[in-house]
Protein backbone atom coordinates (compact mmCIF):
# COMPACT_ATOMS: atom_id res chain seq x y z
CA MET A 1 0.00 0.00 0.00
CA TYR A 2 2.92 2.37 0.81
CA GLN A 3 4.50 1.71 -2.58
CA LEU A 4 1.17 2.37 -4.28
CA GLN A 5 0.87 5.70 -2.46
CA LEU A 6 4.34 6.71 -3.65
CA LEU A 7 3.33 5.92 -7.23
CA LEU A 8 0.20 8.03 -6.89
CA ASN A 9 2.33 11.02 -5.88
CA ILE A 10 4.09 11.00 -9.27
CA PRO A 11 2.20 13.35 -11.63
CA GLU A 12 2.87 11.20 -14.73
CA LEU A 13 1.06 8.29 -13.09
CA PHE A 14 -2.08 10.21 -12.20
CA THR A 15 -5.30 8.36 -12.91
CA SER A 16 -8.71 8.97 -11.35
CA LEU A 17 -9.17 7.17 -8.04
CA SER A 18 -12.46 5.66 -9.20
CA LYS A 19 -10.69 3.81 -12.02
CA ILE A 20 -7.89 2.70 -9.71
CA ASP A 21 -10.45 1.33 -7.23
CA PHE A 22 -12.38 -0.32 -10.05
CA TYR A 23 -9.40 -2.20 -11.51
CA SER A 24 -8.06 -3.04 -8.06
CA SER A 25 -11.39 -4.67 -7.21
CA MET A 26 -11.59 -6.43 -10.57
CA PHE A 27 -8.10 -7.93 -10.34
CA LYS A 28 -8.61 -8.86 -6.68
CA ASN A 29 -11.58 -11.01 -7.73
CA LEU A 30 -9.74 -12.76 -10.57
CA ASP A 31 -8.01 -15.94 -9.40
CA LEU A 32 -5.26 -16.59 -11.97
CA SER A 33 -3.49 -19.32 -10.00
CA SER A 34 -4.47 -21.93 -12.62
CA ILE A 35 -2.41 -20.08 -15.25
CA PRO A 36 1.41 -20.45 -15.32
CA GLU A 37 2.71 -16.95 -14.68
CA PHE A 38 5.55 -17.12 -17.18
CA PRO A 39 5.64 -18.99 -20.49
CA PHE A 40 7.84 -22.05 -20.63
CA SER A 41 10.89 -21.37 -22.76
CA SER A 42 14.44 -22.55 -23.30
CA PRO A 43 17.23 -20.65 -21.56
CA GLY A 44 16.94 -16.98 -22.41
CA ARG A 45 14.68 -14.06 -21.56
CA LYS A 46 11.85 -14.89 -19.18
CA GLY A 47 9.25 -12.87 -21.08
CA TYR A 48 6.28 -10.95 -19.76
CA SER A 49 3.99 -12.28 -17.06
CA HIS A 50 0.95 -14.11 -18.40
CA HIS A 51 -0.98 -12.81 -15.41
CA ALA A 52 -0.16 -9.20 -16.34
CA MET A 53 -1.08 -9.84 -19.99
CA PHE A 54 -4.35 -11.45 -18.87
CA ARG A 55 -5.29 -8.44 -16.74
CA ALA A 56 -4.38 -6.10 -19.62
CA PHE A 57 -6.99 -7.79 -21.81
CA ILE A 58 -9.54 -7.31 -19.04
CA VAL A 59 -8.71 -3.61 -19.31
CA ILE A 60 -9.17 -3.60 -23.10
CA LYS A 61 -12.65 -5.08 -22.74
CA ALA A 62 -13.65 -2.95 -19.76
CA LEU A 63 -12.78 0.18 -21.74
CA ARG A 64 -14.48 -1.19 -24.89
CA PHE A 65 -11.31 -0.82 -26.96
CA GLY A 66 -11.35 -2.56 -30.31
CA THR A 67 -7.62 -2.65 -31.01
CA ILE A 68 -4.42 -3.40 -29.14
CA SER A 69 -3.03 -0.02 -30.21
CA ASP A 70 -5.74 1.70 -28.15
CA LEU A 71 -4.78 -0.43 -25.15
CA LEU A 72 -1.09 0.44 -25.48
CA ASP A 73 -1.84 4.17 -25.69
CA TYR A 74 -4.01 3.92 -22.58
CA LEU A 75 -1.43 2.00 -20.53
CA ARG A 76 1.35 4.40 -21.51
CA ASN A 77 -0.76 7.36 -20.40
CA ASN A 78 -2.02 5.59 -17.25
CA LEU A 79 1.03 3.81 -15.87
CA ILE A 80 -0.68 3.15 -12.56
CA ILE A 81 -3.15 0.88 -14.40
CA ALA A 82 -0.20 -0.89 -16.05
CA HIS A 83 1.28 -1.32 -12.55
CA LEU A 84 -2.00 -2.78 -11.28
CA CYS A 85 -1.94 -5.22 -14.19
CA GLY A 86 1.43 -6.46 -12.99
CA PHE A 87 3.86 -4.84 -15.45
CA ASN A 88 7.16 -3.35 -14.31
CA ILE A 89 6.58 0.27 -15.26
CA LEU A 90 10.26 1.09 -14.77
CA LYS A 91 10.86 -0.91 -17.95
CA PRO A 92 9.25 -0.66 -21.39
CA LEU A 93 5.75 -2.10 -21.66
CA PRO A 94 5.14 -5.05 -24.02
CA SER A 95 5.06 -4.15 -27.69
CA TYR A 96 2.05 -4.38 -29.98
CA TRP A 97 3.35 -7.67 -31.39
CA THR A 98 3.79 -9.15 -27.91
CA PHE A 99 0.12 -8.53 -27.16
CA ARG A 100 -0.85 -9.79 -30.61
CA ARG A 101 1.15 -12.98 -30.13
CA PHE A 102 -0.38 -13.52 -26.69
CA ILE A 103 -3.99 -13.35 -27.89
CA ASN A 104 -3.08 -15.53 -30.88
CA GLU A 105 -1.29 -18.31 -29.04
CA PHE A 106 -2.71 -18.29 -25.50
CA SER A 107 -4.44 -21.58 -24.73
CA HIS A 108 -8.20 -21.18 -24.63
CA ASP A 109 -8.39 -23.92 -21.98
CA TYR A 110 -6.93 -21.48 -19.43
CA LEU A 111 -9.61 -18.93 -20.27
CA THR A 112 -12.32 -21.57 -19.99
CA SER A 113 -11.03 -22.50 -16.54
CA ILE A 114 -11.18 -18.87 -15.34
CA PHE A 115 -14.63 -18.43 -16.89
CA GLN A 116 -16.00 -21.51 -15.12
CA ASN A 117 -14.45 -20.42 -11.83
CA GLN A 118 -16.24 -17.05 -12.03
CA VAL A 119 -19.53 -18.78 -12.81
CA ASN A 120 -19.12 -21.12 -9.83
CA ILE A 121 -18.38 -18.16 -7.53
CA LEU A 122 -21.65 -16.53 -8.60
CA LYS A 123 -23.44 -19.86 -8.20
CA ASN A 124 -22.14 -20.22 -4.63
CA MET A 125 -23.26 -16.65 -3.93
CA GLY A 126 -26.79 -17.64 -4.96
CA ILE A 127 -26.88 -15.32 -7.99
CA ILE A 128 -26.75 -17.99 -10.72
CA SER A 129 -29.02 -21.00 -10.25
CA GLY A 130 -29.26 -22.64 -13.68
CA GLU A 131 -32.88 -23.67 -13.11
CA PHE A 132 -33.96 -21.67 -16.17
CA ILE A 133 -31.42 -21.22 -18.94
CA SER A 134 -31.69 -19.49 -22.28
CA MET A 135 -29.47 -19.99 -25.32
CA ASP A 136 -28.83 -17.74 -28.29
CA SER A 137 -26.01 -16.77 -30.63
CA THR A 138 -24.70 -13.39 -31.70
CA PRO A 139 -22.95 -12.70 -35.03
CA ILE A 140 -19.41 -11.34 -35.11
CA LYS A 141 -18.27 -9.90 -38.43
CA ALA A 142 -14.79 -10.80 -39.62
CA ASN A 143 -12.12 -8.22 -40.36
CA THR A 144 -12.47 -8.29 -44.15
CA LYS A 145 -13.38 -5.76 -46.84
CA LEU A 146 -16.17 -8.08 -48.03
CA ASN A 147 -18.22 -7.04 -44.99
CA ASN A 148 -17.93 -3.39 -45.95
CA PRO A 149 -21.26 -2.24 -47.48
CA LYS A 150 -19.29 0.21 -49.65
CA SER A 151 -17.12 -2.52 -51.13
CA PHE A 152 -17.52 -3.02 -54.89
CA SER A 153 -16.17 -6.57 -54.89
CA LYS A 154 -18.18 -8.93 -57.08
CA ASN A 155 -20.02 -11.85 -55.48
CA LYS A 156 -19.10 -10.64 -51.98
CA PHE A 157 -21.28 -13.22 -50.32
CA SER A 158 -20.56 -16.24 -52.46
CA LYS A 159 -19.28 -19.34 -50.66
CA ASP A 160 -16.55 -19.60 -53.29
CA ASN A 161 -15.26 -16.12 -52.46
CA GLN A 162 -13.45 -16.97 -49.20
CA PRO A 163 -11.56 -13.92 -47.82
CA LYS A 164 -7.86 -14.55 -48.44
CA SER A 165 -6.70 -12.83 -45.24
CA ASN A 166 -9.18 -14.65 -42.99
CA LYS A 167 -9.34 -18.37 -43.72
CA ASP A 168 -11.22 -19.29 -40.53
CA CYS A 169 -14.31 -17.14 -41.07
CA LYS A 170 -17.33 -18.53 -42.91
CA LEU A 171 -20.43 -17.16 -44.60
CA GLY A 172 -23.35 -16.62 -42.23
CA VAL A 173 -26.76 -14.96 -42.16
CA TYR A 174 -28.62 -13.06 -39.47
CA SER A 175 -32.00 -11.39 -39.14
CA ALA A 176 -31.86 -7.64 -39.70
CA SER A 177 -35.39 -7.01 -38.46
CA ASN A 178 -37.51 -8.09 -35.50
CA ASP A 179 -40.71 -7.57 -37.49
CA SER A 180 -42.08 -11.07 -38.10
CA SER A 181 -44.29 -9.81 -40.94
CA ASN A 182 -41.36 -8.30 -42.82
CA LYS A 183 -38.32 -10.44 -42.19
CA ARG A 184 -35.08 -9.11 -43.66
CA TYR A 185 -31.84 -11.04 -43.65
CA LYS A 186 -28.24 -9.99 -44.14
CA PHE A 187 -25.24 -12.08 -45.07
CA TYR A 188 -21.81 -11.63 -43.53
CA TRP A 189 -18.41 -13.26 -43.30
CA GLY A 190 -17.44 -14.09 -39.76
CA TYR A 191 -18.17 -16.06 -36.64
CA LYS A 192 -20.87 -16.69 -34.04
CA ASN A 193 -20.59 -16.63 -30.27
CA HIS A 194 -23.06 -19.08 -28.72
CA ILE A 195 -24.04 -18.23 -25.15
CA ILE A 196 -26.03 -20.06 -22.48
CA VAL A 197 -27.45 -17.48 -20.08
CA ASP A 198 -29.00 -17.97 -16.66
CA ALA A 199 -32.49 -16.68 -17.45
CA ILE A 200 -33.06 -15.37 -13.92
CA SER A 201 -29.86 -13.38 -13.29
CA GLY A 202 -29.08 -12.63 -16.94
CA LEU A 203 -25.46 -13.80 -16.57
CA PRO A 204 -23.62 -16.30 -18.81
CA ILE A 205 -23.08 -19.91 -17.79
CA ALA A 206 -21.29 -21.22 -20.88
CA GLU A 207 -20.09 -19.94 -24.24
CA THR A 208 -18.24 -21.02 -27.34
CA THR A 209 -17.21 -19.48 -30.66
CA THR A 210 -17.69 -21.13 -34.05
CA PRO A 211 -17.53 -20.11 -37.71
CA ALA A 212 -20.74 -18.43 -38.87
CA ASP A 213 -21.95 -21.40 -40.93
CA VAL A 214 -22.36 -23.79 -37.97
CA PRO A 215 -26.08 -24.32 -37.12
CA ASP A 216 -27.17 -23.16 -33.67
CA PHE A 217 -28.81 -26.46 -32.75
CA GLU A 218 -25.60 -28.43 -33.37
CA VAL A 219 -23.71 -26.18 -30.97
CA ALA A 220 -26.53 -26.45 -28.42
CA LEU A 221 -26.13 -30.22 -28.16
CA SER A 222 -22.36 -30.14 -27.63
CA LEU A 223 -22.36 -27.09 -25.34
CA LEU A 224 -25.13 -28.45 -23.11
CA GLU A 225 -23.29 -31.76 -22.82
CA LYS A 226 -19.98 -30.09 -21.90
CA THR A 227 -21.62 -27.69 -19.46
CA ASN A 228 -23.47 -30.46 -17.67
CA LYS A 229 -20.12 -32.07 -16.75
CA TRP A 230 -19.07 -29.15 -14.52
CA PHE A 231 -22.34 -27.25 -13.92
CA ASN A 232 -25.23 -29.52 -12.95
CA LEU A 233 -28.04 -28.96 -15.48
CA LYS A 234 -30.30 -31.73 -14.20
CA TYR A 235 -34.02 -30.83 -14.34
CA VAL A 236 -33.20 -27.67 -16.29
CA ASN A 237 -35.77 -25.60 -18.19
CA PHE A 238 -34.19 -24.89 -21.59
CA ILE A 239 -35.45 -21.80 -23.45
CA ALA A 240 -34.50 -21.00 -27.05
CA ASP A 241 -35.90 -19.60 -30.29
CA LYS A 242 -37.05 -21.43 -33.44
CA GLY A 243 -33.48 -22.02 -34.58
CA TYR A 244 -33.21 -24.76 -31.94
CA ASP A 245 -36.48 -26.49 -32.90
CA VAL A 246 -34.85 -29.85 -33.66
CA LYS A 247 -35.86 -33.22 -32.21
CA ARG A 248 -32.33 -34.04 -31.09
CA VAL A 249 -32.29 -30.97 -28.83
CA TYR A 250 -35.65 -31.90 -27.27
CA ASN A 251 -34.61 -35.50 -26.74
CA PHE A 252 -31.27 -34.54 -25.15
CA VAL A 253 -32.90 -32.14 -22.70
CA ARG A 254 -35.58 -34.69 -21.77
CA ASP A 255 -33.59 -37.95 -21.76
CA THR A 256 -30.16 -36.79 -20.55
CA LEU A 257 -30.91 -33.68 -18.49
CA HIS A 258 -34.42 -34.78 -17.42
CA GLY A 259 -35.55 -31.24 -18.10
CA HIS A 260 -38.13 -29.40 -20.19
CA CYS A 261 -37.91 -27.42 -23.42
CA PHE A 262 -39.57 -24.09 -24.16
CA ILE A 263 -38.99 -23.69 -27.89
CA PRO A 264 -41.58 -22.40 -30.40
CA LEU A 265 -42.32 -24.50 -33.48
CA ASN A 266 -40.46 -23.72 -36.66
CA LYS A 267 -43.13 -24.09 -39.34
CA ARG A 268 -40.95 -23.21 -42.31
CA ASN A 269 -40.41 -26.86 -43.24
CA SER A 270 -43.91 -28.04 -42.40
CA LYS A 271 -45.43 -30.03 -45.27
CA ASN A 272 -48.75 -30.82 -43.59
CA PRO A 273 -51.87 -29.06 -44.90
CA PRO A 274 -53.93 -27.31 -42.20
CA LEU A 275 -56.41 -29.39 -40.21
CA THR A 276 -59.73 -28.40 -38.69
CA ASP A 277 -60.00 -27.87 -34.93
CA ASP A 278 -61.28 -31.42 -34.52
CA GLY A 279 -58.38 -32.89 -36.51
CA TYR A 280 -59.86 -33.40 -39.96
CA MET A 281 -58.52 -32.39 -43.36
CA VAL A 282 -60.55 -30.31 -45.83
CA CYS A 283 -60.37 -31.01 -49.58
CA GLU A 284 -60.03 -28.43 -52.36
CA ALA A 285 -63.81 -28.23 -52.63
CA GLY A 286 -64.07 -27.22 -48.97
CA ILE A 287 -65.59 -30.54 -47.85
CA LYS A 288 -64.37 -32.22 -44.68
CA MET A 289 -62.66 -35.51 -45.56
CA LEU A 290 -63.01 -38.83 -43.74
CA LYS A 291 -60.32 -40.60 -41.72
CA ASP A 292 -59.38 -43.95 -43.26
CA GLY A 293 -56.80 -45.61 -41.01
CA LYS A 294 -53.30 -44.93 -39.70
CA GLN A 295 -49.79 -46.20 -40.34
CA TYR A 296 -47.43 -46.27 -37.37
CA PHE A 297 -43.73 -45.44 -37.75
CA ASP A 298 -40.89 -44.73 -35.36
CA GLY A 299 -41.62 -41.27 -33.94
CA PHE A 300 -44.66 -40.39 -36.06
CA ILE A 301 -48.07 -41.57 -37.28
CA LYS A 302 -49.34 -41.27 -40.84
CA GLN A 303 -53.09 -40.50 -40.93
CA LYS A 304 -54.96 -41.23 -44.15
CA PHE A 305 -57.93 -39.10 -45.29
CA VAL A 306 -60.32 -39.95 -48.14
CA CYS A 307 -63.02 -38.06 -49.98
CA LYS A 308 -66.38 -37.97 -48.22
CA LEU A 309 -68.03 -38.85 -51.54
CA CYS A 310 -65.73 -41.76 -52.33
CA ASN A 311 -68.62 -44.27 -52.53
CA SER A 312 -71.06 -41.99 -54.33
CA LYS A 313 -72.27 -42.97 -57.79
CA ASP A 314 -73.45 -39.44 -58.55
CA ASP A 315 -71.15 -37.87 -61.16
CA SER A 316 -72.29 -34.39 -60.14
CA ALA A 317 -71.59 -34.87 -56.41
CA CYS A 318 -68.14 -33.17 -56.51
CA PRO A 319 -68.85 -29.42 -56.62
CA ILE A 320 -65.57 -28.55 -58.38
CA LYS A 321 -65.55 -31.61 -60.67
CA HIS A 322 -62.06 -32.61 -59.53
CA PRO A 323 -60.25 -34.92 -62.01
CA LYS A 324 -59.59 -37.48 -59.28
CA TYR A 325 -63.33 -37.86 -58.73
CA PHE A 326 -63.75 -39.23 -62.24
CA ASN A 327 -61.07 -41.90 -61.93
CA GLY A 328 -63.14 -44.86 -63.15
CA LYS A 329 -62.56 -46.77 -59.91
CA LYS A 330 -64.91 -48.11 -57.28
CA HIS A 331 -63.61 -45.65 -54.65
CA ARG A 332 -63.10 -42.29 -56.26
CA GLY A 333 -62.09 -38.85 -55.07
CA CYS A 334 -58.99 -37.36 -53.44
CA THR A 335 -56.73 -39.13 -50.95
CA LYS A 336 -54.50 -37.12 -48.61
CA TYR A 337 -52.15 -37.87 -45.73
CA ALA A 338 -51.16 -35.97 -42.61
CA ILE A 339 -48.17 -36.67 -40.37
CA ILE A 340 -49.02 -36.80 -36.68
CA SER A 341 -45.95 -36.64 -34.49
CA SER A 342 -45.88 -38.76 -31.37
CA ASP A 343 -42.63 -37.48 -29.88
CA TYR A 344 -41.84 -35.10 -27.01
CA ARG A 345 -41.52 -32.10 -29.35
CA SER A 346 -45.13 -32.35 -30.52
CA SER A 347 -46.53 -33.01 -27.04
CA ILE A 348 -45.64 -29.54 -25.72
CA ASN A 349 -48.62 -27.22 -25.29
CA ARG A 350 -47.22 -23.96 -26.65
CA ASP A 351 -50.52 -22.15 -26.16
CA SER A 352 -50.51 -22.60 -22.40
CA LEU A 353 -49.97 -19.63 -20.09
CA TYR A 354 -47.09 -21.45 -18.38
CA PHE A 355 -45.21 -21.96 -21.67
CA LYS A 356 -45.67 -18.31 -22.63
CA ALA A 357 -44.60 -17.07 -19.18
CA VAL A 358 -41.40 -19.15 -19.19
CA TYR A 359 -40.58 -18.34 -22.82
CA ARG A 360 -40.65 -14.63 -21.99
CA LEU A 361 -37.51 -15.22 -19.94
CA ARG A 362 -35.63 -15.58 -23.23
CA VAL A 363 -35.41 -11.79 -23.26
CA GLU A 364 -32.45 -12.18 -20.86
CA SER A 365 -30.42 -13.68 -23.72
CA GLU A 366 -31.14 -10.64 -25.87
CA ARG A 367 -30.28 -8.29 -23.04
CA TYR A 368 -27.01 -10.05 -22.33
CA ASN A 369 -26.10 -10.13 -26.04
CA SER A 370 -26.65 -6.39 -26.10
CA ARG A 371 -24.30 -5.85 -23.13
CA PHE A 372 -21.76 -8.22 -24.67
CA LYS A 373 -21.75 -6.47 -28.05
CA ALA A 374 -21.41 -3.13 -26.28
CA LEU A 375 -17.84 -4.24 -25.45
CA ASP A 376 -17.07 -3.69 -29.16
CA PHE A 377 -17.70 -7.27 -30.27
CA GLU A 378 -19.85 -6.69 -33.34
CA LYS A 379 -16.69 -6.77 -35.46
CA ALA A 380 -13.56 -8.84 -34.97
CA TYR A 381 -10.27 -6.96 -35.31
CA VAL A 382 -8.19 -10.15 -35.39
CA ARG A 383 -8.03 -12.67 -38.23
CA ASN A 384 -8.19 -16.21 -36.84
CA ILE A 385 -10.70 -18.15 -34.79
CA ASN A 386 -8.38 -18.76 -31.81
CA SER A 387 -7.87 -15.02 -31.33
CA VAL A 388 -11.60 -14.33 -31.79
CA SER A 389 -12.49 -17.07 -29.28
CA ASN A 390 -10.00 -15.75 -26.73
CA LEU A 391 -11.24 -12.17 -27.02
CA ASN A 392 -14.86 -13.30 -26.70
CA THR A 393 -14.11 -15.23 -23.52
CA PHE A 394 -12.20 -12.24 -22.10
CA GLY A 395 -15.36 -10.21 -22.63
CA HIS A 396 -17.52 -12.74 -20.76
CA ILE A 397 -15.00 -13.00 -17.91
CA THR A 398 -15.04 -9.20 -17.62
CA LEU A 399 -18.84 -9.08 -17.27
CA LEU A 400 -18.85 -11.97 -14.78
CA THR A 401 -16.18 -10.27 -12.68
CA VAL A 402 -18.17 -7.02 -12.74
CA ALA A 403 -21.10 -8.93 -11.25
CA ILE A 404 -18.92 -10.44 -8.51
CA VAL A 405 -17.39 -7.08 -7.57
CA ALA A 406 -20.73 -5.26 -7.53
CA ILE A 407 -22.34 -7.88 -5.28
CA LYS A 408 -19.41 -7.94 -2.87
CA LEU A 409 -19.57 -4.14 -2.65
CA GLY A 410 -23.30 -4.30 -1.95
CA LYS A 411 -24.19 -2.56 -5.22
CA PHE A 412 -26.79 -5.05 -6.38
CA ASP A 413 -28.36 -2.63 -8.85
CA GLU A 414 -25.05 -2.38 -10.73
CA PHE A 415 -24.06 -6.06 -11.11
CA LYS A 416 -25.13 -5.99 -14.78
CA SER A 417 -23.77 -2.52 -15.57
CA LEU A 418 -20.07 -2.18 -16.31
CA SER A 419 -20.15 1.60 -16.82
CA ALA A 420 -22.14 2.26 -13.63
CA LEU A 421 -19.76 0.19 -11.50
CA MET A 422 -16.70 1.79 -13.08
CA GLN A 423 -18.00 5.26 -12.22
CA SER A 424 -19.02 4.42 -8.66
CA ALA A 425 -16.21 2.06 -7.61
């Protein structure tokens, strides 16, 4: 403490006390003991502390900087923050390329370990429960000219036009409008960050980064399975949008996690014609058809419907004179089939008040995605998936640590607000 006071007396090191208190509290609540402090190397220079580099990337996310150059300028003008990170400010700070190499090569397993530790701390504090979880993904645009709307490149969003400087990014699509009656979609080159959020506290439980072309439901299966190994998801209530409306997701939640799904039906691929309220099909003439037996298959039932006038001998009985009515056979008229699902997915009553009340909790995913993207994550400034994944996890760790600090300081109304805590710390 005495040495810190001496540093504060040097004019060149002056930084507002609120920021010093904020970063002191943040770093105090980051247990980096699982990370080797110095990189293993052959005899030679020891290199910079991994712990100091780690804390520096917490600073870059807390200040919403997009580039390492911004971080370097800030540390050089606020040496007390560099000191709090763990750098020896009597010597030159790491270069741009040292930071770049760190974020490129640092093992993501270490970041995952710190992330999980922060989640478990919040779980033990009673903030995160995991009883209701919501999953969603957020697009992250790659650092390529093809994402620039002013670019005149031909076939910008063709799968064959892979950006040469960014081999890991893939072509993705996202909704550009929340208006269900006027859906608009935009293509982009980049990645997706998939996040499982505790739907009560609005804080993340698990996350992973993939290229933009990986379907959300595929990631859901693997991420839920991995998360369940260290964070008990038994009897969980899983909330997600239509992008996760796949039988494998339902079956995993029910059979493995013994939980329940709250996912609306995705009717885009539905081939069934509409049925009446009492479960009958109506022909093109507007006449209710008759049920004529079922065929049973694994996971679904095929219901057969026949024309109500199939046994009539009156040639004028069909009001629209349908060609199939004059087929020259004993039983004439149209024949149609409807698929009746018998699995867990189709058994969910999505019109119930309970389903609608629980599904409304999915708004916490959207709120968290908004806070996450506010850390300057809508565009990636690095050019490989390991760097993008590392930066994304640094962002999540920052927001989790903000929650821990705010709760320990008794500022419960600020545990989801980085800017408010930074100003009041």
